[in-house]
PDB file of N, CA and C in Angstrom:
ATOM      1  N   MET A   1      -8.183  -7.192   3.630  1.00  0.00           N
ATOM      2  CA  MET A   1      -8.180  -5.771   3.852  1.00  0.00           C
ATOM      3  C   MET A   1      -8.045  -5.072   2.509  1.00  0.00           C
ATOM      4  N   GLY A   2      -8.772  -3.998   2.340  1.00  0.00           N
ATOM      5  CA  GLY A   2      -8.725  -3.271   1.087  1.00  0.00           C
ATOM      6  C   GLY A   2      -7.640  -2.204   1.063  1.00  0.00           C
ATOM      7  N   LEU A   3      -7.461  -1.603  -0.077  1.00  0.00           N
ATOM      8  CA  LEU A   3      -6.445  -0.561  -0.232  1.00  0.00           C
ATOM      9  C   LEU A   3      -6.706   0.621   0.699  1.00  0.00           C
ATOM     10  N   LYS A   4      -7.961   0.903   0.959  1.00  0.00           N
ATOM     11  CA  LYS A   4      -8.322   2.022   1.840  1.00  0.00           C
ATOM     12  C   LYS A   4      -7.761   1.802   3.240  1.00  0.00           C
ATOM     13  N   ASN A   5      -7.869   0.575   3.740  1.00  0.00           N
ATOM     14  CA  ASN A   5      -7.369   0.277   5.081  1.00  0.00           C
ATOM     15  C   ASN A   5      -5.852   0.408   5.145  1.00  0.00           C
ATOM     16  N   TYR A   6      -5.165  -0.038   4.106  1.00  0.00           N
ATOM     17  CA  TYR A   6      -3.710   0.096   4.074  1.00  0.00           C
ATOM     18  C   TYR A   6      -3.320   1.563   4.018  1.00  0.00           C
ATOM     19  N   SER A   7      -4.073   2.334   3.262  1.00  0.00           N
ATOM     20  CA  SER A   7      -3.825   3.763   3.157  1.00  0.00           C
ATOM     21  C   SER A   7      -4.000   4.431   4.525  1.00  0.00           C
ATOM     22  N   ASP A   8      -5.034   4.053   5.238  1.00  0.00           N
ATOM     23  CA  ASP A   8      -5.277   4.609   6.566  1.00  0.00           C
ATOM     24  C   ASP A   8      -4.131   4.283   7.512  1.00  0.00           C
ATOM     25  N   LYS A   9      -3.634   3.057   7.458  1.00  0.00           N
ATOM     26  CA  LYS A   9      -2.514   2.666   8.312  1.00  0.00           C
ATOM     27  C   LYS A   9      -1.274   3.495   7.986  1.00  0.00           C
ATOM     28  N   LEU A  10      -0.987   3.649   6.700  1.00  0.00           N
ATOM     29  CA  LEU A  10       0.167   4.443   6.307  1.00  0.00           C
ATOM     30  C   LEU A  10       0.004   5.898   6.727  1.00  0.00           C
ATOM     31  N   ASP A  11      -1.210   6.428   6.606  1.00  0.00           N
ATOM     32  CA  ASP A  11      -1.469   7.801   7.040  1.00  0.00           C
ATOM     33  C   ASP A  11      -1.203   7.954   8.534  1.00  0.00           C
ATOM     34  N   ASP A  12      -1.629   6.969   9.321  1.00  0.00           N
ATOM     35  CA  ASP A  12      -1.374   6.996  10.762  1.00  0.00           C
ATOM     36  C   ASP A  12       0.125   6.995  11.048  1.00  0.00           C
ATOM     37  N   TYR A  13       0.864   6.165  10.339  1.00  0.00           N
ATOM     38  CA  TYR A  13       2.310   6.100  10.532  1.00  0.00           C
ATOM     39  C   TYR A  13       2.974   7.421  10.154  1.00  0.00           C
ATOM     40  N   TYR A  14       2.546   8.014   9.048  1.00  0.00           N
ATOM     41  CA  TYR A  14       3.119   9.294   8.632  1.00  0.00           C
ATOM     42  C   TYR A  14       2.767  10.406   9.615  1.00  0.00           C
ATOM     43  N   GLU A  15       1.583  10.327  10.203  1.00  0.00           N
ATOM     44  CA  GLU A  15       1.183  11.313  11.205  1.00  0.00           C
ATOM     45  C   GLU A  15       2.085  11.202  12.435  1.00  0.00           C
ATOM     46  N   ARG A  16       2.361   9.986  12.862  1.00  0.00           N
ATOM     47  CA  ARG A  16       3.273   9.769  13.984  1.00  0.00           C
ATOM     48  C   ARG A  16       4.665  10.285  13.646  1.00  0.00           C
ATOM     49  N   LEU A  17       5.098  10.045  12.428  1.00  0.00           N
ATOM     50  CA  LEU A  17       6.405  10.502  11.990  1.00  0.00           C
ATOM     51  C   LEU A  17       6.488  12.027  12.057  1.00  0.00           C
ATOM     52  N   ALA A  18       5.436  12.696  11.620  1.00  0.00           N
ATOM     53  CA  ALA A  18       5.395  14.156  11.637  1.00  0.00           C
ATOM     54  C   ALA A  18       5.401  14.702  13.066  1.00  0.00           C
ATOM     55  N   GLN A  19       4.833  13.948  13.987  1.00  0.00           N
ATOM     56  CA  GLN A  19       4.774  14.372  15.378  1.00  0.00           C
ATOM     57  C   GLN A  19       6.047  14.011  16.138  1.00  0.00           C
ATOM     58  N   GLY A  20       6.977  13.372  15.478  1.00  0.00           N
ATOM     59  CA  GLY A  20       8.225  12.988  16.124  1.00  0.00           C
ATOM     60  C   GLY A  20       8.111  11.738  16.976  1.00  0.00           C
ATOM     61  N   LYS A  21       7.110  10.934  16.732  1.00  0.00           N
ATOM     62  CA  LYS A  21       6.889   9.709  17.507  1.00  0.00           C
ATOM     63  C   LYS A  21       7.334   8.480  16.717  1.00  0.00           C
ATOM     64  N   THR A  22       8.543   8.536  16.180  1.00  0.00           N
ATOM     65  CA  THR A  22       9.018   7.426  15.351  1.00  0.00           C
ATOM     66  C   THR A  22       9.271   6.170  16.164  1.00  0.00           C
ATOM     67  N   LYS A  23       9.496   6.314  17.450  1.00  0.00           N
ATOM     68  CA  LYS A  23       9.737   5.139  18.288  1.00  0.00           C
ATOM     69  C   LYS A  23       8.500   4.253  18.388  1.00  0.00           C
ATOM     70  N   LYS A  24       7.326   4.847  18.180  1.00  0.00           N
ATOM     71  CA  LYS A  24       6.083   4.083  18.260  1.00  0.00           C
ATOM     72  C   LYS A  24       5.779   3.314  16.977  1.00  0.00           C
ATOM     73  N   ILE A  25       6.543   3.599  15.910  1.00  0.00           N
ATOM     74  CA  ILE A  25       6.325   2.911  14.640  1.00  0.00           C
ATOM     75  C   ILE A  25       7.306   1.747  14.570  1.00  0.00           C
ATOM     76  N   LYS A  26       6.780   0.550  14.580  1.00  0.00           N
ATOM     77  CA  LYS A  26       7.636  -0.628  14.509  1.00  0.00           C
ATOM     78  C   LYS A  26       7.883  -0.975  13.044  1.00  0.00           C
ATOM     79  N   PRO A  27       9.144  -1.131  12.662  1.00  0.00           N
ATOM     80  CA  PRO A  27       9.446  -1.492  11.273  1.00  0.00           C
ATOM     81  C   PRO A  27       8.740  -2.776  10.829  1.00  0.00           C
ATOM     82  N   SER A  28       8.561  -3.701  11.743  1.00  0.00           N
ATOM     83  CA  SER A  28       7.895  -4.957  11.377  1.00  0.00           C
ATOM     84  C   SER A  28       6.450  -4.714  10.952  1.00  0.00           C
ATOM     85  N   HIS A  29       5.793  -3.718  11.548  1.00  0.00           N
ATOM     86  CA  HIS A  29       4.413  -3.410  11.170  1.00  0.00           C
ATOM     87  C   HIS A  29       4.361  -2.811   9.769  1.00  0.00           C
ATOM     88  N   VAL A  30       5.315  -1.931   9.486  1.00  0.00           N
ATOM     89  CA  VAL A  30       5.368  -1.323   8.157  1.00  0.00           C
ATOM     90  C   VAL A  30       5.698  -2.405   7.123  1.00  0.00           C
ATOM     91  N   GLU A  31       6.593  -3.319   7.477  1.00  0.00           N
ATOM     92  CA  GLU A  31       6.943  -4.416   6.566  1.00  0.00           C
ATOM     93  C   GLU A  31       5.731  -5.303   6.294  1.00  0.00           C
ATOM     94  N   GLN A  32       4.901  -5.519   7.313  1.00  0.00           N
ATOM     95  CA  GLN A  32       3.677  -6.308   7.133  1.00  0.00           C
ATOM     96  C   GLN A  32       2.743  -5.627   6.137  1.00  0.00           C
ATOM     97  N   VAL A  33       2.540  -4.334   6.314  1.00  0.00           N
ATOM     98  CA  VAL A  33       1.670  -3.585   5.406  1.00  0.00           C
ATOM     99  C   VAL A  33       2.246  -3.633   3.998  1.00  0.00           C
ATOM    100  N   LEU A  34       3.561  -3.482   3.888  1.00  0.00           N
ATOM    101  CA  LEU A  34       4.226  -3.525   2.589  1.00  0.00           C
ATOM    102  C   LEU A  34       4.037  -4.881   1.916  1.00  0.00           C
ATOM    103  N   ALA A  35       4.178  -5.947   2.683  1.00  0.00           N
ATOM    104  CA  ALA A  35       3.988  -7.293   2.128  1.00  0.00           C
ATOM    105  C   ALA A  35       2.556  -7.489   1.648  1.00  0.00           C
ATOM    106  N   LYS A  36       1.597  -6.995   2.408  1.00  0.00           N
ATOM    107  CA  LYS A  36       0.195  -7.134   2.019  1.00  0.00           C
ATOM    108  C   LYS A  36      -0.115  -6.304   0.778  1.00  0.00           C
ATOM    109  N   LEU A  37       0.498  -5.138   0.687  1.00  0.00           N
ATOM    110  CA  LEU A  37       0.297  -4.312  -0.502  1.00  0.00           C
ATOM    111  C   LEU A  37       0.885  -4.980  -1.745  1.00  0.00           C
ATOM    112  N   LYS A  38       2.032  -5.599  -1.587  1.00  0.00           N
ATOM    113  CA  LYS A  38       2.649  -6.299  -2.718  1.00  0.00           C
ATOM    114  C   LYS A  38       1.795  -7.491  -3.142  1.00  0.00           C
ATOM    115  N   ALA A  39       1.205  -8.176  -2.164  1.00  0.00           N
ATOM    116  CA  ALA A  39       0.319  -9.293  -2.485  1.00  0.00           C
ATOM    117  C   ALA A  39      -0.925  -8.788  -3.224  1.00  0.00           C
ATOM    118  N   LYS A  40      -1.449  -7.647  -2.783  1.00  0.00           N
ATOM    119  CA  LYS A  40      -2.613  -7.051  -3.435  1.00  0.00           C
ATOM    120  C   LYS A  40      -2.266  -6.645  -4.862  1.00  0.00           C
ATOM    121  N   LYS A  41      -1.051  -6.124  -5.057  1.00  0.00           N
ATOM    122  CA  LYS A  41      -0.600  -5.740  -6.395  1.00  0.00           C
ATOM    123  C   LYS A  41      -0.573  -6.958  -7.313  1.00  0.00           C
ATOM    124  N   THR A  42      -0.049  -8.060  -6.819  1.00  0.00           N
ATOM    125  CA  THR A  42       0.014  -9.296  -7.603  1.00  0.00           C
ATOM    126  C   THR A  42      -1.390  -9.785  -7.937  1.00  0.00           C
ATOM    127  N   GLN A  43      -2.275  -9.714  -6.954  1.00  0.00           N
ATOM    128  CA  GLN A  43      -3.662 -10.138  -7.158  1.00  0.00           C
ATOM    129  C   GLN A  43      -4.335  -9.279  -8.228  1.00  0.00           C
ATOM    130  N   LEU A  44      -4.128  -7.983  -8.153  1.00  0.00           N
ATOM    131  CA  LEU A  44      -4.733  -7.084  -9.135  1.00  0.00           C
ATOM    132  C   LEU A  44      -4.191  -7.337 -10.537  1.00  0.00           C
ATOM    133  N   GLN A  45      -2.901  -7.609 -10.645  1.00  0.00           N
ATOM    134  CA  GLN A  45      -2.313  -7.903 -11.949  1.00  0.00           C
ATOM    135  C   GLN A  45      -2.938  -9.163 -12.547  1.00  0.00           C
ATOM    136  N   ALA A  46      -3.175 -10.163 -11.700  1.00  0.00           N
ATOM    137  CA  ALA A  46      -3.814 -11.394 -12.173  1.00  0.00           C
ATOM    138  C   ALA A  46      -5.253 -11.126 -12.615  1.00  0.00           C
ATOM    139  N   GLU A  47      -5.969 -10.306 -11.856  1.00  0.00           N
ATOM    140  CA  GLU A  47      -7.351  -9.976 -12.218  1.00  0.00           C
ATOM    141  C   GLU A  47      -7.413  -9.188 -13.521  1.00  0.00           C
ATOM    142  N   ILE A  48      -6.448  -8.303 -13.725  1.00  0.00           N
ATOM    143  CA  ILE A  48      -6.404  -7.530 -14.969  1.00  0.00           C
ATOM    144  C   ILE A  48      -6.205  -8.463 -16.155  1.00  0.00           C
ATOM    145  N   ALA A  49      -5.343  -9.448 -15.985  1.00  0.00           N
ATOM    146  CA  ALA A  49      -5.075 -10.395 -17.065  1.00  0.00           C
ATOM    147  C   ALA A  49      -6.327 -11.201 -17.418  1.00  0.00           C
ATOM    148  N   LYS A  50      -7.175 -11.467 -16.428  1.00  0.00           N
ATOM    149  CA  LYS A  50      -8.387 -12.262 -16.650  1.00  0.00           C
ATOM    150  C   LYS A  50      -9.577 -11.419 -17.119  1.00  0.00           C
ATOM    151  N   ALA A  51      -9.522 -10.122 -16.876  1.00  0.00           N
ATOM    152  CA  ALA A  51     -10.668  -9.245 -17.172  1.00  0.00           C
ATOM    153  C   ALA A  51     -10.952  -9.199 -18.664  1.00  0.00           C
ATOM    154  N   THR A  52     -12.229  -9.291 -18.978  1.00  0.00           N
ATOM    155  CA  THR A  52     -12.642  -9.231 -20.376  1.00  0.00           C
ATOM    156  C   THR A  52     -13.326  -7.903 -20.710  1.00  0.00           C
ATOM    157  N   LYS A  53     -14.038  -7.337 -19.761  1.00  0.00           N
ATOM    158  CA  LYS A  53     -14.720  -6.063 -19.979  1.00  0.00           C
ATOM    159  C   LYS A  53     -13.713  -4.910 -19.861  1.00  0.00           C
ATOM    160  N   PRO A  54     -13.729  -4.010 -20.817  1.00  0.00           N
ATOM    161  CA  PRO A  54     -12.813  -2.862 -20.755  1.00  0.00           C
ATOM    162  C   PRO A  54     -13.023  -1.992 -19.516  1.00  0.00           C
ATOM    163  N   SER A  55     -14.276  -1.834 -19.095  1.00  0.00           N
ATOM    164  CA  SER A  55     -14.552  -0.999 -17.924  1.00  0.00           C
ATOM    165  C   SER A  55     -13.967  -1.613 -16.654  1.00  0.00           C
ATOM    166  N   LYS A  56     -14.080  -2.924 -16.539  1.00  0.00           N
ATOM    167  CA  LYS A  56     -13.521  -3.598 -15.364  1.00  0.00           C
ATOM    168  C   LYS A  56     -11.994  -3.523 -15.395  1.00  0.00           C
ATOM    169  N   LYS A  57     -11.433  -3.694 -16.568  1.00  0.00           N
ATOM    170  CA  LYS A  57      -9.989  -3.636 -16.715  1.00  0.00           C
ATOM    171  C   LYS A  57      -9.467  -2.249 -16.316  1.00  0.00           C
ATOM    172  N   MET A  58     -10.167  -1.204 -16.737  1.00  0.00           N
ATOM    173  CA  MET A  58      -9.767   0.163 -16.386  1.00  0.00           C
ATOM    174  C   MET A  58      -9.843   0.395 -14.879  1.00  0.00           C
ATOM    175  N   ARG A  59     -10.917  -0.103 -14.266  1.00  0.00           N
ATOM    176  CA  ARG A  59     -11.082   0.059 -12.819  1.00  0.00           C
ATOM    177  C   ARG A  59      -9.962  -0.636 -12.071  1.00  0.00           C
ATOM    178  N   LEU A  60      -9.629  -1.850 -12.497  1.00  0.00           N
ATOM    179  CA  LEU A  60      -8.563  -2.604 -11.855  1.00  0.00           C
ATOM    180  C   LEU A  60      -7.196  -1.945 -12.062  1.00  0.00           C
ATOM    181  N   GLU A  61      -6.994  -1.364 -13.225  1.00  0.00           N
ATOM    182  CA  GLU A  61      -5.729  -0.674 -13.495  1.00  0.00           C
ATOM    183  C   GLU A  61      -5.575   0.560 -12.608  1.00  0.00           C
ATOM    184  N   ARG A  62      -6.687   1.259 -12.339  1.00  0.00           N
ATOM    185  CA  ARG A  62      -6.630   2.396 -11.413  1.00  0.00           C
ATOM    186  C   ARG A  62      -6.266   1.916 -10.013  1.00  0.00           C
ATOM    187  N   LYS A  63      -6.867   0.804  -9.595  1.00  0.00           N
ATOM    188  CA  LYS A  63      -6.547   0.241  -8.285  1.00  0.00           C
ATOM    189  C   LYS A  63      -5.076  -0.161  -8.213  1.00  0.00           C
ATOM    190  N   LEU A  64      -4.571  -0.697  -9.303  1.00  0.00           N
ATOM    191  CA  LEU A  64      -3.171  -1.111  -9.351  1.00  0.00           C
ATOM    192  C   LEU A  64      -2.250   0.104  -9.196  1.00  0.00           C
ATOM    193  N   LEU A  65      -2.588   1.194  -9.845  1.00  0.00           N
ATOM    194  CA  LEU A  65      -1.791   2.419  -9.700  1.00  0.00           C
ATOM    195  C   LEU A  65      -1.790   2.911  -8.256  1.00  0.00           C
ATOM    196  N   ILE A  66      -2.942   2.834  -7.627  1.00  0.00           N
ATOM    197  CA  ILE A  66      -3.051   3.250  -6.224  1.00  0.00           C
ATOM    198  C   ILE A  66      -2.202   2.338  -5.349  1.00  0.00           C
ATOM    199  N   ALA A  67      -2.256   1.046  -5.596  1.00  0.00           N
ATOM    200  CA  ALA A  67      -1.454   0.094  -4.820  1.00  0.00           C
ATOM    201  C   ALA A  67       0.035   0.390  -4.981  1.00  0.00           C
ATOM    202  N   LYS A  68       0.454   0.699  -6.206  1.00  0.00           N
ATOM    203  CA  LYS A  68       1.867   1.011  -6.449  1.00  0.00           C
ATOM    204  C   LYS A  68       2.287   2.266  -5.689  1.00  0.00           C
ATOM    205  N   GLU A  69       1.420   3.264  -5.635  1.00  0.00           N
ATOM    206  CA  GLU A  69       1.725   4.488  -4.892  1.00  0.00           C
ATOM    207  C   GLU A  69       1.861   4.200  -3.400  1.00  0.00           C
ATOM    208  N   HIS A  70       0.977   3.363  -2.880  1.00  0.00           N
ATOM    209  CA  HIS A  70       1.046   3.018  -1.461  1.00  0.00           C
ATOM    210  C   HIS A  70       2.304   2.208  -1.154  1.00  0.00           C
ATOM    211  N   ILE A  71       2.716   1.382  -2.079  1.00  0.00           N
ATOM    212  CA  ILE A  71       3.956   0.618  -1.899  1.00  0.00           C
ATOM    213  C   ILE A  71       5.140   1.582  -1.816  1.00  0.00           C
ATOM    214  N   LYS A  72       5.170   2.571  -2.677  1.00  0.00           N
ATOM    215  CA  LYS A  72       6.245   3.566  -2.640  1.00  0.00           C
ATOM    216  C   LYS A  72       6.243   4.310  -1.309  1.00  0.00           C
ATOM    217  N   ARG A  73       5.056   4.690  -0.851  1.00  0.00           N
ATOM    218  CA  ARG A  73       4.946   5.401   0.434  1.00  0.00           C
ATOM    219  C   ARG A  73       5.447   4.538   1.585  1.00  0.00           C
ATOM    220  N   ALA A  74       5.078   3.265   1.564  1.00  0.00           N
ATOM    221  CA  ALA A  74       5.502   2.364   2.635  1.00  0.00           C
ATOM    222  C   ALA A  74       7.013   2.162   2.612  1.00  0.00           C
ATOM    223  N   GLU A  75       7.591   2.052   1.429  1.00  0.00           N
ATOM    224  CA  GLU A  75       9.045   1.881   1.323  1.00  0.00           C
ATOM    225  C   GLU A  75       9.775   3.127   1.820  1.00  0.00           C
ATOM    226  N   LEU A  76       9.257   4.298   1.477  1.00  0.00           N
ATOM    227  CA  LEU A  76       9.866   5.542   1.965  1.00  0.00           C
ATOM    228  C   LEU A  76       9.772   5.641   3.481  1.00  0.00           C
ATOM    229  N   LEU A  77       8.644   5.285   4.030  1.00  0.00           N
ATOM    230  CA  LEU A  77       8.456   5.307   5.465  1.00  0.00           C
ATOM    231  C   LEU A  77       9.417   4.358   6.153  1.00  0.00           C
ATOM    232  N   LEU A  78       9.558   3.174   5.592  1.00  0.00           N
ATOM    233  CA  LEU A  78      10.459   2.173   6.156  1.00  0.00           C
ATOM    234  C   LEU A  78      11.899   2.692   6.152  1.00  0.00           C
ATOM    235  N   ASP A  79      12.279   3.356   5.067  1.00  0.00           N
ATOM    236  CA  ASP A  79      13.629   3.942   4.993  1.00  0.00           C
ATOM    237  C   ASP A  79      13.835   5.006   6.058  1.00  0.00           C
ATOM    238  N   GLU A  80      12.804   5.781   6.332  1.00  0.00           N
ATOM    239  CA  GLU A  80      12.921   6.862   7.307  1.00  0.00           C
ATOM    240  C   GLU A  80      13.026   6.355   8.736  1.00  0.00           C
ATOM    241  N   ILE A  81      12.360   5.261   9.045  1.00  0.00           N
ATOM    242  CA  ILE A  81      12.350   4.805  10.447  1.00  0.00           C
ATOM    243  C   ILE A  81      13.451   3.793  10.743  1.00  0.00           C
ATOM    244  N   THR A  82      14.122   3.288   9.724  1.00  0.00           N
ATOM    245  CA  THR A  82      15.200   2.337   9.998  1.00  0.00           C
ATOM    246  C   THR A  82      16.555   2.992   9.867  1.00  0.00           C
TER     247      THR A  82
END
């Protein structure tokens, strides 16, 4: 799953939170998304280390920043629902 899909899932969870439907958000689901995002972050860091082209390295670094932001969002969401 790509970062876009994780972002969509987090957006859905935040939408439920805004609507007051926190009971429908299972912490285990948010933890799963968080674990996958952390794995993606590790993968991106490894790819950055291997990248030789500056353009590819820059693209991967942007993706890494996005992954870090999504991790923060997921952690905040988890704090709110637990």
